[in-house]
């Protein structure tokens, strides 16, 4: 979702896909933090501000609700009642 909104991009680096914030993402508060694992392997973490986290949660809740309604609409009334029982 963040890629389609133009907030982050996904690029291939060394055979792996890495996400980086776009200019729009940086303006919205996404931070890039470089870390090193206990084994000494470097990696990058994107830190999302609360506004971006809220946007993601709302998107996935909306998607889940829409999918539930689609499932209910596809069921016959008897099947729906049986499922609820």
PDB file of N, CA and C in Angstrom:
ATOM      1  N   UNK A   1       0.815  -1.176   0.000  1.00  0.00           N
ATOM      2  CA  UNK A   1       0.000   0.000   0.000  1.00  0.00           C
ATOM      3  C   UNK A   1       0.871   1.256   0.000  1.00  0.00           C
ATOM      4  N   UNK A   2       1.929   1.256   0.791  1.00  0.00           N
ATOM      5  CA  UNK A   2       2.801   2.431   0.851  1.00  0.00           C
ATOM      6  C   UNK A   2       3.522   2.656  -0.470  1.00  0.00           C
ATOM      7  N   UNK A   3       3.816   1.584  -1.185  1.00  0.00           N
ATOM      8  CA  UNK A   3       4.439   1.720  -2.509  1.00  0.00           C
ATOM      9  C   UNK A   3       3.446   2.356  -3.472  1.00  0.00           C
ATOM     10  N   UNK A   4       2.209   1.875  -3.459  1.00  0.00           N
ATOM     11  CA  UNK A   4       1.212   2.419  -4.388  1.00  0.00           C
ATOM     12  C   UNK A   4       0.858   3.873  -4.065  1.00  0.00           C
ATOM     13  N   UNK A   5       1.002   4.272  -2.815  1.00  0.00           N
ATOM     14  CA  UNK A   5       0.743   5.655  -2.407  1.00  0.00           C
ATOM     15  C   UNK A   5       1.942   6.573  -2.687  1.00  0.00           C
ATOM     16  N   UNK A   6       3.074   5.971  -3.098  1.00  0.00           N
ATOM     17  CA  UNK A   6       4.263   6.765  -3.392  1.00  0.00           C
ATOM     18  C   UNK A   6       5.009   7.217  -2.153  1.00  0.00           C
ATOM     19  N   UNK A   7       4.825   6.490  -1.054  1.00  0.00           N
ATOM     20  CA  UNK A   7       5.470   6.853   0.210  1.00  0.00           C
ATOM     21  C   UNK A   7       6.809   6.142   0.366  1.00  0.00           C
ATOM     22  N   UNK A   8       6.885   4.902  -0.132  1.00  0.00           N
ATOM     23  CA  UNK A   8       8.158   4.167  -0.153  1.00  0.00           C
ATOM     24  C   UNK A   8       8.334   3.552  -1.532  1.00  0.00           C
ATOM     25  N   UNK A   9       9.570   3.172  -1.837  1.00  0.00           N
ATOM     26  CA  UNK A   9       9.866   2.446  -3.071  1.00  0.00           C
ATOM     27  C   UNK A   9      10.518   1.133  -2.692  1.00  0.00           C
ATOM     28  N   UNK A  10      10.468   0.195  -3.612  1.00  0.00           N
ATOM     29  CA  UNK A  10      11.086  -1.104  -3.391  1.00  0.00           C
ATOM     30  C   UNK A  10      12.106  -1.308  -4.494  1.00  0.00           C
ATOM     31  N   UNK A  11      13.364  -1.456  -4.104  1.00  0.00           N
ATOM     32  CA  UNK A  11      14.441  -1.624  -5.083  1.00  0.00           C
ATOM     33  C   UNK A  11      15.197  -2.910  -4.787  1.00  0.00           C
ATOM     34  N   UNK A  12      15.749  -3.493  -5.853  1.00  0.00           N
ATOM     35  CA  UNK A  12      16.555  -4.695  -5.676  1.00  0.00           C
ATOM     36  C   UNK A  12      18.004  -4.298  -5.439  1.00  0.00           C
ATOM     37  N   UNK A  13      18.578  -4.847  -4.381  1.00  0.00           N
ATOM     38  CA  UNK A  13      19.981  -4.603  -4.051  1.00  0.00           C
ATOM     39  C   UNK A  13      20.621  -5.937  -3.677  1.00  0.00           C
ATOM     40  N   UNK A  14      21.655  -6.309  -4.376  1.00  0.00           N
ATOM     41  CA  UNK A  14      22.382  -7.549  -4.094  1.00  0.00           C
ATOM     42  C   UNK A  14      21.464  -8.768  -4.057  1.00  0.00           C
ATOM     43  N   UNK A  15      20.499  -8.838  -4.978  1.00  0.00           N
ATOM     44  CA  UNK A  15      19.600  -9.974  -5.031  1.00  0.00           C
ATOM     45  C   UNK A  15      18.482  -9.940  -4.009  1.00  0.00           C
ATOM     46  N   UNK A  16      18.388  -8.874  -3.247  1.00  0.00           N
ATOM     47  CA  UNK A  16      17.338  -8.716  -2.232  1.00  0.00           C
ATOM     48  C   UNK A  16      16.550  -7.456  -2.526  1.00  0.00           C
ATOM     49  N   UNK A  17      15.326  -7.438  -2.072  1.00  0.00           N
ATOM     50  CA  UNK A  17      14.515  -6.248  -2.233  1.00  0.00           C
ATOM     51  C   UNK A  17      14.610  -5.404  -0.967  1.00  0.00           C
ATOM     52  N   UNK A  18      14.860  -4.119  -1.157  1.00  0.00           N
ATOM     53  CA  UNK A  18      14.973  -3.195  -0.031  1.00  0.00           C
ATOM     54  C   UNK A  18      13.969  -2.070  -0.216  1.00  0.00           C
ATOM     55  N   UNK A  19      13.356  -1.676   0.863  1.00  0.00           N
ATOM     56  CA  UNK A  19      12.399  -0.575   0.820  1.00  0.00           C
ATOM     57  C   UNK A  19      13.088   0.695   1.298  1.00  0.00           C
ATOM     58  N   UNK A  20      12.827   1.780   0.586  1.00  0.00           N
ATOM     59  CA  UNK A  20      13.374   3.084   0.980  1.00  0.00           C
ATOM     60  C   UNK A  20      12.269   4.125   0.871  1.00  0.00           C
ATOM     61  N   UNK A  21      12.293   5.113   1.730  1.00  0.00           N
ATOM     62  CA  UNK A  21      11.259   6.145   1.647  1.00  0.00           C
ATOM     63  C   UNK A  21      11.495   7.061   0.451  1.00  0.00           C
ATOM     64  N   UNK A  22      10.416   7.503  -0.140  1.00  0.00           N
ATOM     65  CA  UNK A  22      10.504   8.503  -1.197  1.00  0.00           C
ATOM     66  C   UNK A  22      10.594   9.874  -0.516  1.00  0.00           C
ATOM     67  N   UNK A  23      10.702  10.904  -1.307  1.00  0.00           N
ATOM     68  CA  UNK A  23      10.723  12.259  -0.748  1.00  0.00           C
ATOM     69  C   UNK A  23       9.433  12.509   0.036  1.00  0.00           C
ATOM     70  N   UNK A  24       8.326  12.030  -0.510  1.00  0.00           N
ATOM     71  CA  UNK A  24       7.033  12.166   0.169  1.00  0.00           C
ATOM     72  C   UNK A  24       7.056  11.430   1.512  1.00  0.00           C
ATOM     73  N   UNK A  25       7.663  10.251   1.547  1.00  0.00           N
ATOM     74  CA  UNK A  25       7.762   9.476   2.782  1.00  0.00           C
ATOM     75  C   UNK A  25       8.606  10.175   3.834  1.00  0.00           C
ATOM     76  N   UNK A  26       9.713  10.755   3.405  1.00  0.00           N
ATOM     77  CA  UNK A  26      10.585  11.492   4.332  1.00  0.00           C
ATOM     78  C   UNK A  26       9.835  12.697   4.897  1.00  0.00           C
ATOM     79  N   UNK A  27       9.082  13.392   4.024  1.00  0.00           N
ATOM     80  CA  UNK A  27       8.297  14.540   4.481  1.00  0.00           C
ATOM     81  C   UNK A  27       7.252  14.138   5.510  1.00  0.00           C
ATOM     82  N   UNK A  28       6.746  12.901   5.395  1.00  0.00           N
ATOM     83  CA  UNK A  28       5.739  12.417   6.337  1.00  0.00           C
ATOM     84  C   UNK A  28       6.358  11.827   7.597  1.00  0.00           C
ATOM     85  N   UNK A  29       7.680  11.801   7.666  1.00  0.00           N
ATOM     86  CA  UNK A  29       8.346  11.407   8.903  1.00  0.00           C
ATOM     87  C   UNK A  29       8.973  10.036   8.941  1.00  0.00           C
ATOM     88  N   UNK A  30       9.059   9.339   7.814  1.00  0.00           N
ATOM     89  CA  UNK A  30       9.709   8.025   7.812  1.00  0.00           C
ATOM     90  C   UNK A  30      11.210   8.223   7.976  1.00  0.00           C
ATOM     91  N   UNK A  31      11.784   7.457   8.897  1.00  0.00           N
ATOM     92  CA  UNK A  31      13.235   7.540   9.129  1.00  0.00           C
ATOM     93  C   UNK A  31      13.894   6.229   8.736  1.00  0.00           C
ATOM     94  N   UNK A  32      15.116   6.326   8.245  1.00  0.00           N
ATOM     95  CA  UNK A  32      15.911   5.157   7.888  1.00  0.00           C
ATOM     96  C   UNK A  32      16.973   4.991   8.960  1.00  0.00           C
ATOM     97  N   UNK A  33      17.033   3.797   9.555  1.00  0.00           N
ATOM     98  CA  UNK A  33      18.011   3.533  10.612  1.00  0.00           C
ATOM     99  C   UNK A  33      18.847   2.333  10.195  1.00  0.00           C
ATOM    100  N   UNK A  34      20.154   2.520  10.172  1.00  0.00           N
ATOM    101  CA  UNK A  34      21.080   1.426   9.860  1.00  0.00           C
ATOM    102  C   UNK A  34      21.455   0.731  11.158  1.00  0.00           C
ATOM    103  N   UNK A  35      21.383  -0.600  11.146  1.00  0.00           N
ATOM    104  CA  UNK A  35      21.695  -1.390  12.336  1.00  0.00           C
ATOM    105  C   UNK A  35      22.645  -2.509  11.956  1.00  0.00           C
ATOM    106  N   UNK A  36      23.170  -3.164  12.983  1.00  0.00           N
ATOM    107  CA  UNK A  36      24.046  -4.317  12.789  1.00  0.00           C
ATOM    108  C   UNK A  36      23.533  -5.428  13.698  1.00  0.00           C
ATOM    109  N   UNK A  37      23.336  -6.623  13.135  1.00  0.00           N
ATOM    110  CA  UNK A  37      22.831  -7.752  13.914  1.00  0.00           C
ATOM    111  C   UNK A  37      23.901  -8.239  14.882  1.00  0.00           C
ATOM    112  N   UNK A  38      23.500  -9.137  15.777  1.00  0.00           N
ATOM    113  CA  UNK A  38      24.442  -9.714  16.738  1.00  0.00           C
ATOM    114  C   UNK A  38      25.573 -10.468  16.039  1.00  0.00           C
ATOM    115  N   UNK A  39      25.288 -10.975  14.843  1.00  0.00           N
ATOM    116  CA  UNK A  39      26.298 -11.698  14.069  1.00  0.00           C
ATOM    117  C   UNK A  39      27.160 -10.768  13.229  1.00  0.00           C
ATOM    118  N   UNK A  40      26.892  -9.465  13.294  1.00  0.00           N
ATOM    119  CA  UNK A  40      27.699  -8.495  12.571  1.00  0.00           C
ATOM    120  C   UNK A  40      27.210  -8.148  11.181  1.00  0.00           C
ATOM    121  N   UNK A  41      26.000  -8.587  10.849  1.00  0.00           N
ATOM    122  CA  UNK A  41      25.443  -8.294   9.521  1.00  0.00           C
ATOM    123  C   UNK A  41      24.692  -6.961   9.543  1.00  0.00           C
ATOM    124  N   UNK A  42      25.050  -6.057   8.645  1.00  0.00           N
ATOM    125  CA  UNK A  42      24.345  -4.770   8.607  1.00  0.00           C
ATOM    126  C   UNK A  42      22.964  -4.917   7.956  1.00  0.00           C
ATOM    127  N   UNK A  43      22.015  -4.157   8.438  1.00  0.00           N
ATOM    128  CA  UNK A  43      20.684  -4.123   7.843  1.00  0.00           C
ATOM    129  C   UNK A  43      20.051  -2.762   8.106  1.00  0.00           C
ATOM    130  N   UNK A  44      18.983  -2.481   7.383  1.00  0.00           N
ATOM    131  CA  UNK A  44      18.321  -1.185   7.475  1.00  0.00           C
ATOM    132  C   UNK A  44      16.886  -1.375   7.950  1.00  0.00           C
ATOM    133  N   UNK A  45      16.428  -0.469   8.796  1.00  0.00           N
ATOM    134  CA  UNK A  45      15.070  -0.498   9.321  1.00  0.00           C
ATOM    135  C   UNK A  45      14.391   0.820   8.965  1.00  0.00           C
ATOM    136  N   UNK A  46      13.145   0.736   8.519  1.00  0.00           N
ATOM    137  CA  UNK A  46      12.352   1.944   8.315  1.00  0.00           C
ATOM    138  C   UNK A  46      11.498   2.154   9.552  1.00  0.00           C
ATOM    139  N   UNK A  47      11.568   3.330  10.114  1.00  0.00           N
ATOM    140  CA  UNK A  47      10.763   3.678  11.292  1.00  0.00           C
ATOM    141  C   UNK A  47       9.614   4.559  10.813  1.00  0.00           C
ATOM    142  N   UNK A  48       8.389   4.074  11.025  1.00  0.00           N
ATOM    143  CA  UNK A  48       7.203   4.786  10.567  1.00  0.00           C
ATOM    144  C   UNK A  48       6.606   5.614  11.703  1.00  0.00           C
ATOM    145  N   UNK A  49       6.252   6.864  11.436  1.00  0.00           N
ATOM    146  CA  UNK A  49       5.601   7.677  12.466  1.00  0.00           C
ATOM    147  C   UNK A  49       4.180   7.160  12.723  1.00  0.00           C
ATOM    148  N   UNK A  50       3.575   7.626  13.792  1.00  0.00           N
ATOM    149  CA  UNK A  50       2.239   7.185  14.174  1.00  0.00           C
ATOM    150  C   UNK A  50       1.232   7.423  13.053  1.00  0.00           C
ATOM    151  N   UNK A  51       1.348   8.515  12.326  1.00  0.00           N
ATOM    152  CA  UNK A  51       0.388   8.813  11.254  1.00  0.00           C
ATOM    153  C   UNK A  51       0.412   7.737  10.164  1.00  0.00           C
ATOM    154  N   UNK A  52       1.588   7.251   9.809  1.00  0.00           N
ATOM    155  CA  UNK A  52       1.715   6.197   8.796  1.00  0.00           C
ATOM    156  C   UNK A  52       1.205   4.871   9.367  1.00  0.00           C
ATOM    157  N   UNK A  53       1.534   4.582  10.624  1.00  0.00           N
ATOM    158  CA  UNK A  53       1.052   3.359  11.265  1.00  0.00           C
ATOM    159  C   UNK A  53      -0.472   3.338  11.292  1.00  0.00           C
ATOM    160  N   UNK A  54      -1.066   4.477  11.627  1.00  0.00           N
ATOM    161  CA  UNK A  54      -2.532   4.578  11.673  1.00  0.00           C
ATOM    162  C   UNK A  54      -3.120   4.344  10.279  1.00  0.00           C
ATOM    163  N   UNK A  55      -2.498   4.915   9.257  1.00  0.00           N
ATOM    164  CA  UNK A  55      -2.961   4.740   7.881  1.00  0.00           C
ATOM    165  C   UNK A  55      -2.952   3.256   7.494  1.00  0.00           C
ATOM    166  N   UNK A  56      -1.894   2.539   7.867  1.00  0.00           N
ATOM    167  CA  UNK A  56      -1.792   1.119   7.549  1.00  0.00           C
ATOM    168  C   UNK A  56      -2.866   0.304   8.268  1.00  0.00           C
ATOM    169  N   UNK A  57      -3.040   0.564   9.556  1.00  0.00           N
ATOM    170  CA  UNK A  57      -4.035  -0.171  10.338  1.00  0.00           C
ATOM    171  C   UNK A  57      -5.432   0.077   9.776  1.00  0.00           C
ATOM    172  N   UNK A  58      -5.766   1.332   9.495  1.00  0.00           N
ATOM    173  CA  UNK A  58      -7.084   1.647   8.945  1.00  0.00           C
ATOM    174  C   UNK A  58      -7.306   0.977   7.595  1.00  0.00           C
ATOM    175  N   UNK A  59      -6.261   0.933   6.773  1.00  0.00           N
ATOM    176  CA  UNK A  59      -6.361   0.275   5.465  1.00  0.00           C
ATOM    177  C   UNK A  59      -6.671  -1.209   5.631  1.00  0.00           C
ATOM    178  N   UNK A  60      -5.945  -1.890   6.520  1.00  0.00           N
ATOM    179  CA  UNK A  60      -6.148  -3.328   6.680  1.00  0.00           C
ATOM    180  C   UNK A  60      -7.456  -3.649   7.384  1.00  0.00           C
ATOM    181  N   UNK A  61      -7.914  -2.808   8.280  1.00  0.00           N
ATOM    182  CA  UNK A  61      -9.231  -3.014   8.896  1.00  0.00           C
ATOM    183  C   UNK A  61     -10.314  -2.865   7.831  1.00  0.00           C
ATOM    184  N   UNK A  62     -10.212  -1.827   7.021  1.00  0.00           N
ATOM    185  CA  UNK A  62     -11.193  -1.603   5.952  1.00  0.00           C
ATOM    186  C   UNK A  62     -11.214  -2.787   4.992  1.00  0.00           C
ATOM    187  N   UNK A  63     -10.042  -3.283   4.619  1.00  0.00           N
ATOM    188  CA  UNK A  63      -9.942  -4.422   3.711  1.00  0.00           C
ATOM    189  C   UNK A  63     -10.579  -5.664   4.331  1.00  0.00           C
ATOM    190  N   UNK A  64     -10.317  -5.907   5.609  1.00  0.00           N
ATOM    191  CA  UNK A  64     -10.880  -7.075   6.290  1.00  0.00           C
ATOM    192  C   UNK A  64     -12.398  -6.986   6.358  1.00  0.00           C
ATOM    193  N   UNK A  65     -12.926  -5.805   6.648  1.00  0.00           N
ATOM    194  CA  UNK A  65     -14.376  -5.616   6.721  1.00  0.00           C
ATOM    195  C   UNK A  65     -15.002  -5.841   5.346  1.00  0.00           C
ATOM    196  N   UNK A  66     -14.394  -5.294   4.307  1.00  0.00           N
ATOM    197  CA  UNK A  66     -14.919  -5.473   2.947  1.00  0.00           C
ATOM    198  C   UNK A  66     -14.928  -6.948   2.548  1.00  0.00           C
ATOM    199  N   UNK A  67     -13.863  -7.668   2.891  1.00  0.00           N
ATOM    200  CA  UNK A  67     -13.794  -9.093   2.561  1.00  0.00           C
ATOM    201  C   UNK A  67     -14.866  -9.874   3.314  1.00  0.00           C
ATOM    202  N   UNK A  68     -15.117  -9.506   4.570  1.00  0.00           N
ATOM    203  CA  UNK A  68     -16.146 -10.181   5.356  1.00  0.00           C
ATOM    204  C   UNK A  68     -17.517  -9.966   4.732  1.00  0.00           C
ATOM    205  N   UNK A  69     -17.816  -8.720   4.323  1.00  0.00           N
ATOM    206  CA  UNK A  69     -19.105  -8.443   3.683  1.00  0.00           C
ATOM    207  C   UNK A  69     -19.250  -9.203   2.374  1.00  0.00           C
ATOM    208  N   UNK A  70     -18.169  -9.318   1.613  1.00  0.00           N
ATOM    209  CA  UNK A  70     -18.229 -10.062   0.354  1.00  0.00           C
ATOM    210  C   UNK A  70     -18.534 -11.532   0.611  1.00  0.00           C
ATOM    211  N   UNK A  71     -17.917 -12.094   1.657  1.00  0.00           N
ATOM    212  CA  UNK A  71     -18.165 -13.494   1.998  1.00  0.00           C
ATOM    213  C   UNK A  71     -19.617 -13.696   2.416  1.00  0.00           C
ATOM    214  N   UNK A  72     -20.135 -12.782   3.217  1.00  0.00           N
ATOM    215  CA  UNK A  72     -21.514 -12.887   3.689  1.00  0.00           C
ATOM    216  C   UNK A  72     -22.486 -12.756   2.524  1.00  0.00           C
ATOM    217  N   UNK A  73     -22.222 -11.844   1.597  1.00  0.00           N
ATOM    218  CA  UNK A  73     -23.099 -11.662   0.441  1.00  0.00           C
ATOM    219  C   UNK A  73     -23.129 -12.903  -0.443  1.00  0.00           C
ATOM    220  N   UNK A  74     -22.017 -13.636  -0.491  1.00  0.00           N
ATOM    221  CA  UNK A  74     -21.940 -14.818  -1.331  1.00  0.00           C
ATOM    222  C   UNK A  74     -22.684 -16.005  -0.724  1.00  0.00           C
ATOM    223  N   UNK A  75     -22.865 -16.018   0.592  1.00  0.00           N
ATOM    224  CA  UNK A  75     -23.537 -17.125   1.262  1.00  0.00           C
ATOM    225  C   UNK A  75     -25.057 -16.988   1.122  1.00  0.00           C
ATOM    226  N   UNK A  76     -25.713 -18.114   1.067  1.00  0.00           N
ATOM    227  CA  UNK A  76     -27.170 -18.060   1.136  1.00  0.00           C
ATOM    228  C   UNK A  76     -27.541 -17.740   2.576  1.00  0.00           C
ATOM    229  N   UNK A  77     -28.774 -17.356   2.787  1.00  0.00           N
ATOM    230  CA  UNK A  77     -29.198 -16.986   4.141  1.00  0.00           C
ATOM    231  C   UNK A  77     -29.059 -18.162   5.094  1.00  0.00           C
ATOM    232  N   UNK A  78     -29.429 -19.362   4.679  1.00  0.00           N
ATOM    233  CA  UNK A  78     -29.315 -20.537   5.540  1.00  0.00           C
ATOM    234  C   UNK A  78     -27.867 -20.854   5.862  1.00  0.00           C
ATOM    235  N   UNK A  79     -26.995 -20.770   4.856  1.00  0.00           N
ATOM    236  CA  UNK A  79     -25.569 -21.038   5.082  1.00  0.00           C
ATOM    237  C   UNK A  79     -24.982 -20.019   6.045  1.00  0.00           C
ATOM    238  N   UNK A  80     -25.401 -18.769   5.923  1.00  0.00           N
ATOM    239  CA  UNK A  80     -24.895 -17.723   6.802  1.00  0.00           C
ATOM    240  C   UNK A  80     -25.334 -17.983   8.240  1.00  0.00           C
ATOM    241  N   UNK A  81     -26.605 -18.345   8.432  1.00  0.00           N
ATOM    242  CA  UNK A  81     -27.096 -18.635   9.778  1.00  0.00           C
ATOM    243  C   UNK A  81     -26.397 -19.855  10.362  1.00  0.00           C
ATOM    244  N   UNK A  82     -26.188 -20.880   9.555  1.00  0.00           N
ATOM    245  CA  UNK A  82     -25.478 -22.075  10.021  1.00  0.00           C
ATOM    246  C   UNK A  82     -24.058 -21.733  10.437  1.00  0.00           C
ATOM    247  N   UNK A  83     -23.417 -20.902   9.638  1.00  0.00           N
ATOM    248  CA  UNK A  83     -22.046 -20.480   9.940  1.00  0.00           C
ATOM    249  C   UNK A  83     -22.000 -19.722  11.261  1.00  0.00           C
ATOM    250  N   UNK A  84     -22.978 -18.861  11.501  1.00  0.00           N
ATOM    251  CA  UNK A  84     -22.992 -18.065  12.734  1.00  0.00           C
ATOM    252  C   UNK A  84     -23.303 -18.924  13.946  1.00  0.00           C
ATOM    253  N   UNK A  85     -24.093 -19.975  13.776  1.00  0.00           N
ATOM    254  CA  UNK A  85     -24.424 -20.876  14.900  1.00  0.00           C
ATOM    255  C   UNK A  85     -23.223 -21.690  15.262  1.00  0.00           C
TER     256      UNK A  85
END
